[in-house]
Amino acid sequence: MATIKDIAQRLGVAVSTVSKGLNGASDISAEMRQLVLDTAVEMGYASKKIRSNGNRKVCILIENMDYENIDQFGYEIVMGFKIYAARRNWEVSVIPSNLNMQTAEKYDTYMLKNGFCGAFLLGFSLHDDWIKQLNKTTVPTVLLDNYIAGNHHVGYVGTDSFEGISLSVKHLVELGHKKIAFLNGSKNSMVSEERLQAFLQSMTENGLTPDEKLMEYGYYVPDCAKYHVPGFLEHGATAIICASDLIASGVITELIKRGLRVPEDISVIGYDDLPIAKQLNPPLTTIRQDRVDLGRSAFLLLDGLVHNITISKLLLRAKFIKRGSTKEPTE
């Protein structure tokens, strides 16, 4: 492992200059500090504080995900992580991320500069700069619903999408539905791709032929429903499986606007079991992700990676929650 002296020799500067750069001293230029940090990352340097077995400093980086109140998807995930971290006396910083932040600085440099020994990333897109950089990172990192192959420093936590979608399709088929639509989340998301493949596989396994006209990508927001529900109805859908409860809430609103009843005229299934699922009229049949357990699992996975236990994936079981938004199709 590289030392401060090794970095100084590489750059041709004093050891004290490297030390100042690594510790955020104000009496060297911003350019020199950045050069020191980038070189340290390149050479695989880790500070004594990061290497120590005492109290750990980690961060939860969040992009494109709401998490500030209990009704939002990310809230319980963050709480689950922090509960377990507190038991181990880990210091956790929750940091909103954006594209400007990622453009300004490389992921590994940001982590080293701020003294973080690991991170849990929520809501990132596969096309984000920092996600692309994870192929080569040496920082223990856990992703929610994203996967980086070939790097033993990076792990993935999530809920089994194949099990969740399969339970939804099976339920509708048992009720007698054959024209089943699927309204997915955003395209640039690993979990969206998984849920699409799960839908295709489950339809085939249940003796049904997936119809391209009944499958669409949207976004993980209610408003996307208005763009796709009309097409589903036009092509005879009797049930709509949604990739999230928020999407499902938009679908129900759009169906009601069109004078249709749920579930008498058309059945709707969500995914996540957010608090809103019970509050909808009718209450939403959905797939539960235990978000507190997702957060706890992310901590356990990150703890393993920090201690050089190379865990690749940690998947939780999905649970089918039957409520009032599904029934037999109208003859």
C-alpha atoms as a PDB file:
ATOM      1  CA  MET A   1       0.000   0.000   0.000  1.00  0.00           C
ATOM      2  CA  ALA A   2       1.317   3.441  -0.942  1.00  0.00           C
ATOM      3  CA  THR A   3       2.610   5.780   1.776  1.00  0.00           C
ATOM      4  CA  ILE A   4       2.763   9.573   1.992  1.00  0.00           C
ATOM      5  CA  LYS A   5       6.473   9.312   1.164  1.00  0.00           C
ATOM      6  CA  ASP A   6       5.693   7.311  -2.007  1.00  0.00           C
ATOM      7  CA  ILE A   7       3.232   9.989  -3.156  1.00  0.00           C
ATOM      8  CA  ALA A   8       5.770  12.740  -2.442  1.00  0.00           C
ATOM      9  CA  GLN A   9       8.414  10.931  -4.499  1.00  0.00           C
ATOM     10  CA  ARG A  10       5.985  10.439  -7.401  1.00  0.00           C
ATOM     11  CA  LEU A  11       5.106  14.157  -7.437  1.00  0.00           C
ATOM     12  CA  GLY A  12       8.571  15.460  -6.601  1.00  0.00           C
ATOM     13  CA  VAL A  13       7.306  17.475  -3.635  1.00  0.00           C
ATOM     14  CA  ALA A  14       7.926  17.483   0.101  1.00  0.00           C
ATOM     15  CA  VAL A  15       6.234  14.942   2.360  1.00  0.00           C
ATOM     16  CA  SER A  16       4.752  17.868   4.270  1.00  0.00           C
ATOM     17  CA  THR A  17       3.056  19.108   1.080  1.00  0.00           C
ATOM     18  CA  VAL A  18       1.430  15.726   0.539  1.00  0.00           C
ATOM     19  CA  SER A  19       0.308  15.632   4.163  1.00  0.00           C
ATOM     20  CA  LYS A  20      -1.254  19.079   3.818  1.00  0.00           C
ATOM     21  CA  GLY A  21      -3.030  18.035   0.632  1.00  0.00           C
ATOM     22  CA  LEU A  22      -4.472  14.925   2.236  1.00  0.00           C
ATOM     23  CA  ASN A  23      -5.605  16.754   5.358  1.00  0.00           C
ATOM     24  CA  GLY A  24      -7.204  19.804   3.733  1.00  0.00           C
ATOM     25  CA  ALA A  25      -4.675  22.391   4.891  1.00  0.00           C
ATOM     26  CA  SER A  26      -5.347  25.910   3.672  1.00  0.00           C
ATOM     27  CA  ASP A  27      -1.741  26.908   2.970  1.00  0.00           C
ATOM     28  CA  ILE A  28      -1.370  24.997  -0.309  1.00  0.00           C
ATOM     29  CA  SER A  29      -3.141  25.744  -3.568  1.00  0.00           C
ATOM     30  CA  ALA A  30      -6.375  24.046  -4.553  1.00  0.00           C
ATOM     31  CA  GLU A  31      -4.615  22.719  -7.661  1.00  0.00           C
ATOM     32  CA  MET A  32      -1.847  21.084  -5.620  1.00  0.00           C
ATOM     33  CA  ARG A  33      -4.329  19.588  -3.187  1.00  0.00           C
ATOM     34  CA  GLN A  34      -6.320  18.071  -6.041  1.00  0.00           C
ATOM     35  CA  LEU A  35      -3.130  16.691  -7.612  1.00  0.00           C
ATOM     36  CA  VAL A  36      -2.141  15.103  -4.292  1.00  0.00           C
ATOM     37  CA  LEU A  37      -5.581  13.542  -3.854  1.00  0.00           C
ATOM     38  CA  ASP A  38      -5.745  12.205  -7.398  1.00  0.00           C
ATOM     39  CA  THR A  39      -2.256  10.749  -7.145  1.00  0.00           C
ATOM     40  CA  ALA A  40      -3.053   9.176  -3.777  1.00  0.00           C
ATOM     41  CA  VAL A  41      -6.114   7.478  -5.266  1.00  0.00           C
ATOM     42  CA  GLU A  42      -4.141   6.315  -8.290  1.00  0.00           C
ATOM     43  CA  MET A  43      -1.475   4.761  -6.038  1.00  0.00           C
ATOM     44  CA  GLY A  44      -3.976   3.082  -3.733  1.00  0.00           C
ATOM     45  CA  TYR A  45      -3.297   5.180  -0.647  1.00  0.00           C
ATOM     46  CA  ALA A  46      -5.587   4.929   2.388  1.00  0.00           C
ATOM     47  CA  SER A  47      -5.202   7.117   5.468  1.00  0.00           C
ATOM     48  CA  LYS A  48      -4.554   5.659   8.918  1.00  0.00           C
ATOM     49  CA  LYS A  49      -8.016   6.810   9.986  1.00  0.00           C
ATOM     50  CA  ILE A  50      -9.653   4.936   7.126  1.00  0.00           C
ATOM     51  CA  ARG A  51      -7.546   1.818   7.777  1.00  0.00           C
ATOM     52  CA  SER A  52      -8.178   1.801  11.523  1.00  0.00           C
ATOM     53  CA  ASN A  53     -10.475  -0.763  13.096  1.00  0.00           C
ATOM     54  CA  GLY A  54     -12.064   1.802  15.407  1.00  0.00           C
ATOM     55  CA  ASN A  55     -15.042   4.009  14.640  1.00  0.00           C
ATOM     56  CA  ARG A  56     -15.774   4.045  10.925  1.00  0.00           C
ATOM     57  CA  LYS A  57     -16.850   7.031   8.876  1.00  0.00           C
ATOM     58  CA  VAL A  58     -19.142   6.160   5.950  1.00  0.00           C
ATOM     59  CA  CYS A  59     -21.661   7.967   3.788  1.00  0.00           C
ATOM     60  CA  ILE A  60     -25.019   7.350   2.174  1.00  0.00           C
ATOM     61  CA  LEU A  61     -25.046   9.102  -1.194  1.00  0.00           C
ATOM     62  CA  ILE A  62     -28.549   9.708  -2.564  1.00  0.00           C
ATOM     63  CA  GLU A  63     -29.638  10.828  -6.027  1.00  0.00           C
ATOM     64  CA  ASN A  64     -33.128  10.872  -7.597  1.00  0.00           C
ATOM     65  CA  MET A  65     -34.761   9.406  -4.494  1.00  0.00           C
ATOM     66  CA  ASP A  66     -36.922  11.002  -1.801  1.00  0.00           C
ATOM     67  CA  TYR A  67     -35.964  10.035   1.739  1.00  0.00           C
ATOM     68  CA  GLU A  68     -36.857  12.825   4.178  1.00  0.00           C
ATOM     69  CA  ASN A  69     -40.209  11.570   5.531  1.00  0.00           C
ATOM     70  CA  ILE A  70     -41.699   8.177   6.288  1.00  0.00           C
ATOM     71  CA  ASP A  71     -43.994   8.169   3.241  1.00  0.00           C
ATOM     72  CA  GLN A  72     -41.033   8.310   0.866  1.00  0.00           C
ATOM     73  CA  PHE A  73     -39.248   5.255  -0.513  1.00  0.00           C
ATOM     74  CA  GLY A  74     -35.771   6.019   0.790  1.00  0.00           C
ATOM     75  CA  TYR A  75     -36.695   6.982   4.367  1.00  0.00           C
ATOM     76  CA  GLU A  76     -36.832   3.518   5.933  1.00  0.00           C
ATOM     77  CA  ILE A  77     -33.813   2.326   3.937  1.00  0.00           C
ATOM     78  CA  VAL A  78     -31.705   5.120   5.420  1.00  0.00           C
ATOM     79  CA  MET A  79     -33.123   4.452   8.894  1.00  0.00           C
ATOM     80  CA  GLY A  80     -32.385   0.729   8.654  1.00  0.00           C
ATOM     81  CA  PHE A  81     -28.781   1.430   7.696  1.00  0.00           C
ATOM     82  CA  LYS A  82     -28.291   4.020  10.432  1.00  0.00           C
ATOM     83  CA  ILE A  83     -29.795   1.769  13.142  1.00  0.00           C
ATOM     84  CA  TYR A  84     -27.219  -0.950  12.511  1.00  0.00           C
ATOM     85  CA  ALA A  85     -24.403   1.555  12.023  1.00  0.00           C
ATOM     86  CA  ALA A  86     -25.170   3.131  15.418  1.00  0.00           C
ATOM     87  CA  ARG A  87     -24.783  -0.245  17.112  1.00  0.00           C
ATOM     88  CA  ARG A  88     -21.241  -0.432  15.739  1.00  0.00           C
ATOM     89  CA  ASN A  89     -20.459   3.227  16.489  1.00  0.00           C
ATOM     90  CA  TRP A  90     -20.073   4.054  12.811  1.00  0.00           C
ATOM     91  CA  GLU A  91     -20.439   7.692  11.816  1.00  0.00           C
ATOM     92  CA  VAL A  92     -22.922   8.046   8.938  1.00  0.00           C
ATOM     93  CA  SER A  93     -23.294  11.120   6.719  1.00  0.00           C
ATOM     94  CA  VAL A  94     -26.330  11.313   4.418  1.00  0.00           C
ATOM     95  CA  ILE A  95     -25.340  13.334   1.366  1.00  0.00           C
ATOM     96  CA  PRO A  96     -27.573  14.339  -1.575  1.00  0.00           C
ATOM     97  CA  SER A  97     -25.721  13.888  -4.867  1.00  0.00           C
ATOM     98  CA  ASN A  98     -26.172  15.381  -8.322  1.00  0.00           C
ATOM     99  CA  LEU A  99     -24.483  15.379 -11.725  1.00  0.00           C
ATOM    100  CA  ASN A 100     -22.527  18.588 -10.999  1.00  0.00           C
ATOM    101  CA  MET A 101     -21.036  17.013  -7.900  1.00  0.00           C
ATOM    102  CA  GLN A 102     -19.968  13.959  -9.892  1.00  0.00           C
ATOM    103  CA  THR A 103     -18.480  16.042 -12.697  1.00  0.00           C
ATOM    104  CA  ALA A 104     -16.459  18.174 -10.290  1.00  0.00           C
ATOM    105  CA  GLU A 105     -14.568  15.288  -8.683  1.00  0.00           C
ATOM    106  CA  LYS A 106     -13.855  11.601  -9.140  1.00  0.00           C
ATOM    107  CA  TYR A 107     -15.621   9.204  -6.777  1.00  0.00           C
ATOM    108  CA  ASP A 108     -12.480   7.782  -5.143  1.00  0.00           C
ATOM    109  CA  THR A 109     -10.996  11.257  -4.702  1.00  0.00           C
ATOM    110  CA  TYR A 110     -14.176  12.513  -3.045  1.00  0.00           C
ATOM    111  CA  MET A 111     -14.167   9.577  -0.640  1.00  0.00           C
ATOM    112  CA  LEU A 112     -10.497   9.981   0.289  1.00  0.00           C
ATOM    113  CA  LYS A 113     -10.758  13.758   0.694  1.00  0.00           C
ATOM    114  CA  ASN A 114     -13.663  13.408   3.107  1.00  0.00           C
ATOM    115  CA  GLY A 115     -12.239  10.487   5.068  1.00  0.00           C
ATOM    116  CA  PHE A 116     -14.978   7.987   4.168  1.00  0.00           C
ATOM    117  CA  CYS A 117     -14.033   4.307   4.321  1.00  0.00           C
ATOM    118  CA  GLY A 118     -17.151   3.162   2.473  1.00  0.00           C
ATOM    119  CA  ALA A 119     -20.455   4.223   0.938  1.00  0.00           C
ATOM    120  CA  PHE A 120     -24.033   3.132   0.237  1.00  0.00           C
ATOM    121  CA  LEU A 121     -25.402   4.589  -3.029  1.00  0.00           C
ATOM    122  CA  LEU A 122     -29.158   5.058  -3.521  1.00  0.00           C
ATOM    123  CA  GLY A 123     -31.061   6.154  -6.633  1.00  0.00           C
ATOM    124  CA  PHE A 124     -28.119   6.390  -9.031  1.00  0.00           C
ATOM    125  CA  SER A 125     -28.499   5.737 -12.770  1.00  0.00           C
ATOM    126  CA  LEU A 126     -26.275   3.295 -14.641  1.00  0.00           C
ATOM    127  CA  HIS A 127     -25.105   6.238 -16.778  1.00  0.00           C
ATOM    128  CA  ASP A 128     -23.973   8.410 -13.855  1.00  0.00           C
ATOM    129  CA  ASP A 129     -20.256   9.265 -13.836  1.00  0.00           C
ATOM    130  CA  TRP A 130     -19.632   7.798 -10.402  1.00  0.00           C
ATOM    131  CA  ILE A 131     -21.378   4.535 -11.274  1.00  0.00           C
ATOM    132  CA  LYS A 132     -19.142   4.161 -14.325  1.00  0.00           C
ATOM    133  CA  GLN A 133     -16.076   4.757 -12.119  1.00  0.00           C
ATOM    134  CA  LEU A 134     -17.023   1.914  -9.780  1.00  0.00           C
ATOM    135  CA  ASN A 135     -15.520  -0.614 -12.175  1.00  0.00           C
ATOM    136  CA  LYS A 136     -12.094   0.364 -10.819  1.00  0.00           C
ATOM    137  CA  THR A 137     -12.804   1.739  -7.343  1.00  0.00           C
ATOM    138  CA  THR A 138     -10.999   0.366  -4.311  1.00  0.00           C
ATOM    139  CA  VAL A 139     -13.530   1.962  -1.930  1.00  0.00           C
ATOM    140  CA  PRO A 140     -15.968  -0.541  -0.321  1.00  0.00           C
ATOM    141  CA  THR A 141     -19.288   0.431  -1.929  1.00  0.00           C
ATOM    142  CA  VAL A 142     -22.823  -0.950  -1.771  1.00  0.00           C
ATOM    143  CA  LEU A 143     -25.426  -0.183  -4.450  1.00  0.00           C
ATOM    144  CA  LEU A 144     -29.186  -0.444  -4.191  1.00  0.00           C
ATOM    145  CA  ASP A 145     -30.702  -2.095  -7.278  1.00  0.00           C
ATOM    146  CA  ASN A 146     -27.559  -1.684  -9.371  1.00  0.00           C
ATOM    147  CA  TYR A 147     -24.746  -4.131 -10.034  1.00  0.00           C
ATOM    148  CA  ILE A 148     -21.104  -3.747 -11.033  1.00  0.00           C
ATOM    149  CA  ALA A 149     -19.510  -6.969 -12.269  1.00  0.00           C
ATOM    150  CA  GLY A 150     -15.862  -7.860 -11.751  1.00  0.00           C
ATOM    151  CA  ASN A 151     -14.958  -5.584  -8.816  1.00  0.00           C
ATOM    152  CA  HIS A 152     -14.809  -7.316  -5.439  1.00  0.00           C
ATOM    153  CA  HIS A 153     -14.942  -3.936  -3.656  1.00  0.00           C
ATOM    154  CA  VAL A 154     -18.536  -3.332  -4.822  1.00  0.00           C
ATOM    155  CA  GLY A 155     -21.702  -5.191  -3.780  1.00  0.00           C
ATOM    156  CA  TYR A 156     -25.410  -5.026  -4.539  1.00  0.00           C
ATOM    157  CA  VAL A 157     -28.437  -5.196  -2.253  1.00  0.00           C
ATOM    158  CA  GLY A 158     -32.046  -5.430  -3.372  1.00  0.00           C
ATOM    159  CA  THR A 159     -35.287  -7.396  -3.346  1.00  0.00           C
ATOM    160  CA  ASP A 160     -35.750 -10.354  -5.686  1.00  0.00           C
ATOM    161  CA  SER A 161     -37.531  -8.741  -8.641  1.00  0.00           C
ATOM    162  CA  PHE A 162     -38.116 -12.072 -10.361  1.00  0.00           C
ATOM    163  CA  GLU A 163     -39.924 -13.419  -7.340  1.00  0.00           C
ATOM    164  CA  GLY A 164     -41.980 -10.235  -6.915  1.00  0.00           C
ATOM    165  CA  ILE A 165     -43.151  -9.965 -10.518  1.00  0.00           C
ATOM    166  CA  SER A 166     -43.757 -13.706 -10.720  1.00  0.00           C
ATOM    167  CA  LEU A 167     -46.082 -13.541  -7.710  1.00  0.00           C
ATOM    168  CA  SER A 168     -48.011 -10.697  -9.362  1.00  0.00           C
ATOM    169  CA  VAL A 169     -48.459 -12.472 -12.701  1.00  0.00           C
ATOM    170  CA  LYS A 170     -49.409 -15.743 -11.011  1.00  0.00           C
ATOM    171  CA  HIS A 171     -52.081 -13.983  -8.931  1.00  0.00           C
ATOM    172  CA  LEU A 172     -53.656 -12.357 -11.983  1.00  0.00           C
ATOM    173  CA  VAL A 173     -53.572 -15.567 -14.022  1.00  0.00           C
ATOM    174  CA  GLU A 174     -55.270 -17.448 -11.186  1.00  0.00           C
ATOM    175  CA  LEU A 175     -58.009 -14.787 -11.261  1.00  0.00           C
ATOM    176  CA  GLY A 176     -58.466 -15.434 -14.989  1.00  0.00           C
ATOM    177  CA  HIS A 177     -56.622 -12.473 -16.561  1.00  0.00           C
ATOM    178  CA  LYS A 178     -54.911 -13.016 -19.929  1.00  0.00           C
ATOM    179  CA  LYS A 179     -54.386  -9.476 -21.236  1.00  0.00           C
ATOM    180  CA  ILE A 180     -51.909  -8.228 -18.633  1.00  0.00           C
ATOM    181  CA  ALA A 181     -50.062  -4.935 -19.152  1.00  0.00           C
ATOM    182  CA  PHE A 182     -46.784  -3.923 -17.529  1.00  0.00           C
ATOM    183  CA  LEU A 183     -45.916  -0.269 -16.825  1.00  0.00           C
ATOM    184  CA  ASN A 184     -42.228  -0.202 -15.934  1.00  0.00           C
ATOM    185  CA  GLY A 185     -40.010   2.450 -14.378  1.00  0.00           C
ATOM    186  CA  SER A 186     -37.286   4.418 -16.165  1.00  0.00           C
ATOM    187  CA  LYS A 187     -35.158   2.804 -18.849  1.00  0.00           C
ATOM    188  CA  ASN A 188     -31.677   3.542 -17.496  1.00  0.00           C
ATOM    189  CA  SER A 189     -32.128   1.390 -14.415  1.00  0.00           C
ATOM    190  CA  MET A 190     -30.934  -2.120 -13.722  1.00  0.00           C
ATOM    191  CA  VAL A 191     -33.978  -2.903 -11.593  1.00  0.00           C
ATOM    192  CA  SER A 192     -36.318  -1.797 -14.400  1.00  0.00           C
ATOM    193  CA  GLU A 193     -34.563  -4.189 -16.777  1.00  0.00           C
ATOM    194  CA  GLU A 194     -34.796  -6.986 -14.203  1.00  0.00           C
ATOM    195  CA  ARG A 195     -38.518  -6.427 -13.728  1.00  0.00           C
ATOM    196  CA  LEU A 196     -39.130  -6.432 -17.470  1.00  0.00           C
ATOM    197  CA  GLN A 197     -37.281  -9.727 -17.874  1.00  0.00           C
ATOM    198  CA  ALA A 198     -39.181 -11.112 -14.891  1.00  0.00           C
ATOM    199  CA  PHE A 199     -42.489 -10.090 -16.486  1.00  0.00           C
ATOM    200  CA  LEU A 200     -41.611 -11.710 -19.816  1.00  0.00           C
ATOM    201  CA  GLN A 201     -40.465 -14.906 -18.126  1.00  0.00           C
ATOM    202  CA  SER A 202     -43.465 -15.102 -15.798  1.00  0.00           C
ATOM    203  CA  MET A 203     -45.965 -14.562 -18.617  1.00  0.00           C
ATOM    204  CA  THR A 204     -44.375 -17.368 -20.625  1.00  0.00           C
ATOM    205  CA  GLU A 205     -44.256 -19.698 -17.632  1.00  0.00           C
ATOM    206  CA  ASN A 206     -47.985 -19.122 -17.121  1.00  0.00           C
ATOM    207  CA  GLY A 207     -48.807 -19.966 -20.731  1.00  0.00           C
ATOM    208  CA  LEU A 208     -49.353 -16.382 -21.900  1.00  0.00           C
ATOM    209  CA  THR A 209     -47.702 -14.567 -24.789  1.00  0.00           C
ATOM    210  CA  PRO A 210     -46.350 -11.128 -23.804  1.00  0.00           C
ATOM    211  CA  ASP A 211     -47.772  -8.368 -26.016  1.00  0.00           C
ATOM    212  CA  GLU A 212     -45.330  -5.565 -26.887  1.00  0.00           C
ATOM    213  CA  LYS A 213     -48.262  -3.155 -27.052  1.00  0.00           C
ATOM    214  CA  LEU A 214     -48.953  -3.878 -23.370  1.00  0.00           C
ATOM    215  CA  MET A 215     -45.419  -3.150 -22.120  1.00  0.00           C
ATOM    216  CA  GLU A 216     -44.046   0.365 -21.655  1.00  0.00           C
ATOM    217  CA  TYR A 217     -41.275   2.211 -19.821  1.00  0.00           C
ATOM    218  CA  GLY A 218     -42.373   5.200 -17.778  1.00  0.00           C
ATOM    219  CA  TYR A 219     -40.791   6.841 -14.754  1.00  0.00           C
ATOM    220  CA  TYR A 220     -41.095   6.115 -11.049  1.00  0.00           C
ATOM    221  CA  VAL A 221     -43.672   8.887 -10.632  1.00  0.00           C
ATOM    222  CA  PRO A 222     -47.517   8.892 -10.862  1.00  0.00           C
ATOM    223  CA  ASP A 223     -47.640  11.346 -13.767  1.00  0.00           C
ATOM    224  CA  CYS A 224     -46.229   8.833 -16.253  1.00  0.00           C
ATOM    225  CA  ALA A 225     -49.494   6.841 -16.174  1.00  0.00           C
ATOM    226  CA  LYS A 226     -51.414   9.302 -18.359  1.00  0.00           C
ATOM    227  CA  TYR A 227     -49.086   8.627 -21.287  1.00  0.00           C
ATOM    228  CA  HIS A 228     -49.520   4.852 -21.287  1.00  0.00           C
ATOM    229  CA  VAL A 229     -52.880   3.882 -19.783  1.00  0.00           C
ATOM    230  CA  PRO A 230     -54.843   4.931 -22.912  1.00  0.00           C
ATOM    231  CA  GLY A 231     -52.772   2.579 -25.073  1.00  0.00           C
ATOM    232  CA  PHE A 232     -53.191  -0.288 -22.632  1.00  0.00           C
ATOM    233  CA  LEU A 233     -56.972   0.171 -22.663  1.00  0.00           C
ATOM    234  CA  GLU A 234     -57.042   0.439 -26.444  1.00  0.00           C
ATOM    235  CA  HIS A 235     -55.310  -2.931 -26.718  1.00  0.00           C
ATOM    236  CA  GLY A 236     -57.636  -4.687 -24.308  1.00  0.00           C
ATOM    237  CA  ALA A 237     -55.720  -4.851 -21.019  1.00  0.00           C
ATOM    238  CA  THR A 238     -57.784  -6.220 -18.108  1.00  0.00           C
ATOM    239  CA  ALA A 239     -54.966  -5.792 -15.557  1.00  0.00           C
ATOM    240  CA  ILE A 240     -51.917  -3.541 -15.174  1.00  0.00           C
ATOM    241  CA  ILE A 241     -48.818  -4.474 -13.166  1.00  0.00           C
ATOM    242  CA  CYS A 242     -46.801  -1.394 -12.165  1.00  0.00           C
ATOM    243  CA  ALA A 243     -43.112  -1.216 -11.247  1.00  0.00           C
ATOM    244  CA  SER A 244     -43.881   0.934  -8.191  1.00  0.00           C
ATOM    245  CA  ASP A 245     -46.776   1.974  -5.969  1.00  0.00           C
ATOM    246  CA  LEU A 246     -46.372   5.584  -7.129  1.00  0.00           C
ATOM    247  CA  ILE A 247     -46.859   4.518 -10.730  1.00  0.00           C
ATOM    248  CA  ALA A 248     -49.868   2.433  -9.639  1.00  0.00           C
ATOM    249  CA  SER A 249     -51.406   5.433  -7.883  1.00  0.00           C
ATOM    250  CA  GLY A 250     -51.173   7.374 -11.146  1.00  0.00           C
ATOM    251  CA  VAL A 251     -52.719   4.462 -13.050  1.00  0.00           C
ATOM    252  CA  ILE A 252     -55.700   4.318 -10.689  1.00  0.00           C
ATOM    253  CA  THR A 253     -56.198   8.097 -10.992  1.00  0.00           C
ATOM    254  CA  GLU A 254     -56.095   7.890 -14.781  1.00  0.00           C
ATOM    255  CA  LEU A 255     -58.544   4.980 -14.890  1.00  0.00           C
ATOM    256  CA  ILE A 256     -61.021   6.831 -12.657  1.00  0.00           C
ATOM    257  CA  LYS A 257     -60.748   9.910 -14.898  1.00  0.00           C
ATOM    258  CA  ARG A 258     -61.851   7.692 -17.766  1.00  0.00           C
ATOM    259  CA  GLY A 259     -64.885   6.442 -15.877  1.00  0.00           C
ATOM    260  CA  LEU A 260     -63.466   3.005 -15.116  1.00  0.00           C
ATOM    261  CA  ARG A 261     -63.654   1.218 -11.782  1.00  0.00           C
ATOM    262  CA  VAL A 262     -60.796  -0.535 -10.001  1.00  0.00           C
ATOM    263  CA  PRO A 263     -60.937  -3.500  -9.722  1.00  0.00           C
ATOM    264  CA  GLU A 264     -64.382  -4.100 -11.272  1.00  0.00           C
ATOM    265  CA  ASP A 265     -63.300  -2.967 -14.766  1.00  0.00           C
ATOM    266  CA  ILE A 266     -59.544  -3.356 -14.507  1.00  0.00           C
ATOM    267  CA  SER A 267     -57.135  -4.698 -11.877  1.00  0.00           C
ATOM    268  CA  VAL A 268     -53.988  -2.874 -10.739  1.00  0.00           C
ATOM    269  CA  ILE A 269     -50.916  -4.163  -8.871  1.00  0.00           C
ATOM    270  CA  GLY A 270     -48.084  -2.030  -7.494  1.00  0.00           C
ATOM    271  CA  TYR A 271     -44.594  -2.701  -6.153  1.00  0.00           C
ATOM    272  CA  ASP A 272     -42.902  -1.571  -2.885  1.00  0.00           C
ATOM    273  CA  ASP A 273     -45.806  -1.419  -0.374  1.00  0.00           C
ATOM    274  CA  LEU A 274     -45.273   2.231   0.497  1.00  0.00           C
ATOM    275  CA  PRO A 275     -47.624   3.738   3.120  1.00  0.00           C
ATOM    276  CA  ILE A 276     -49.646   5.208   0.246  1.00  0.00           C
ATOM    277  CA  ALA A 277     -50.646   1.679  -0.871  1.00  0.00           C
ATOM    278  CA  LYS A 278     -53.059   1.272   2.056  1.00  0.00           C
ATOM    279  CA  GLN A 279     -54.443   4.795   1.605  1.00  0.00           C
ATOM    280  CA  LEU A 280     -55.487   4.456  -2.035  1.00  0.00           C
ATOM    281  CA  ASN A 281     -59.085   3.789  -2.963  1.00  0.00           C
ATOM    282  CA  PRO A 282     -59.227   0.865  -3.353  1.00  0.00           C
ATOM    283  CA  PRO A 283     -56.252  -0.196  -1.200  1.00  0.00           C
ATOM    284  CA  LEU A 284     -53.498  -1.408  -3.494  1.00  0.00           C
ATOM    285  CA  THR A 285     -52.485  -5.011  -4.056  1.00  0.00           C
ATOM    286  CA  THR A 286     -48.689  -4.838  -4.206  1.00  0.00           C
ATOM    287  CA  ILE A 287     -45.299  -6.474  -3.664  1.00  0.00           C
ATOM    288  CA  ARG A 288     -43.666  -5.566  -0.373  1.00  0.00           C
ATOM    289  CA  GLN A 289     -40.025  -4.614  -0.143  1.00  0.00           C
ATOM    290  CA  ASP A 290     -38.992  -4.461   3.508  1.00  0.00           C
ATOM    291  CA  ARG A 291     -37.092  -1.201   3.273  1.00  0.00           C
ATOM    292  CA  VAL A 292     -35.770  -1.249   6.849  1.00  0.00           C
ATOM    293  CA  ASP A 293     -34.271  -4.668   6.135  1.00  0.00           C
ATOM    294  CA  LEU A 294     -32.829  -3.346   2.871  1.00  0.00           C
ATOM    295  CA  GLY A 295     -30.981  -0.686   4.855  1.00  0.00           C
ATOM    296  CA  ARG A 296     -29.814  -3.179   7.460  1.00  0.00           C
ATOM    297  CA  SER A 297     -28.664  -5.567   4.735  1.00  0.00           C
ATOM    298  CA  ALA A 298     -26.753  -2.757   3.036  1.00  0.00           C
ATOM    299  CA  PHE A 299     -24.899  -2.087   6.293  1.00  0.00           C
ATOM    300  CA  LEU A 300     -24.062  -5.769   6.759  1.00  0.00           C
ATOM    301  CA  LEU A 301     -22.826  -5.982   3.181  1.00  0.00           C
ATOM    302  CA  LEU A 302     -20.720  -2.831   3.517  1.00  0.00           C
ATOM    303  CA  ASP A 303     -19.283  -4.103   6.800  1.00  0.00           C
ATOM    304  CA  GLY A 304     -18.269  -7.283   5.007  1.00  0.00           C
ATOM    305  CA  LEU A 305     -16.629  -5.400   2.149  1.00  0.00           C
ATOM    306  CA  VAL A 306     -14.722  -3.178   4.595  1.00  0.00           C
ATOM    307  CA  HIS A 307     -13.358  -6.357   6.184  1.00  0.00           C
ATOM    308  CA  ASN A 308     -12.436  -7.869   2.801  1.00  0.00           C
ATOM    309  CA  ILE A 309     -15.351 -10.318   2.667  1.00  0.00           C
ATOM    310  CA  THR A 310     -16.130 -10.214  -1.059  1.00  0.00           C
ATOM    311  CA  ILE A 311     -19.923 -10.487  -1.139  1.00  0.00           C
ATOM    312  CA  SER A 312     -21.403  -9.907  -4.596  1.00  0.00           C
ATOM    313  CA  LYS A 313     -25.179  -9.742  -4.081  1.00  0.00           C
ATOM    314  CA  LEU A 314     -27.570  -9.780  -1.159  1.00  0.00           C
ATOM    315  CA  LEU A 315     -31.224 -10.237  -2.182  1.00  0.00           C
ATOM    316  CA  LEU A 316     -34.236 -10.093   0.121  1.00  0.00           C
ATOM    317  CA  ARG A 317     -37.402 -12.105  -0.468  1.00  0.00           C
ATOM    318  CA  ALA A 318     -40.406 -10.345  -1.983  1.00  0.00           C
ATOM    319  CA  LYS A 319     -43.816 -10.671  -0.303  1.00  0.00           C
ATOM    320  CA  PHE A 320     -47.181 -10.513  -2.067  1.00  0.00           C
ATOM    321  CA  ILE A 321     -49.740  -8.281  -0.333  1.00  0.00           C
ATOM    322  CA  LYS A 322     -53.345  -8.869  -1.450  1.00  0.00           C
ATOM    323  CA  ARG A 323     -55.681  -5.899  -1.016  1.00  0.00           C
ATOM    324  CA  GLY A 324     -58.659  -4.537  -2.903  1.00  0.00           C
ATOM    325  CA  SER A 325     -57.337  -3.498  -6.326  1.00  0.00           C
ATOM    326  CA  THR A 326     -57.519  -6.913  -8.039  1.00  0.00           C
ATOM    327  CA  LYS A 327     -60.363  -9.270  -8.912  1.00  0.00           C
ATOM    328  CA  GLU A 328     -61.589 -11.548 -11.705  1.00  0.00           C
ATOM    329  CA  PRO A 329     -61.865  -9.871 -15.139  1.00  0.00           C
ATOM    330  CA  THR A 330     -65.281  -8.786 -16.331  1.00  0.00           C
ATOM    331  CA  GLU A 331     -66.750 -11.246 -18.843  1.00  0.00           C
END
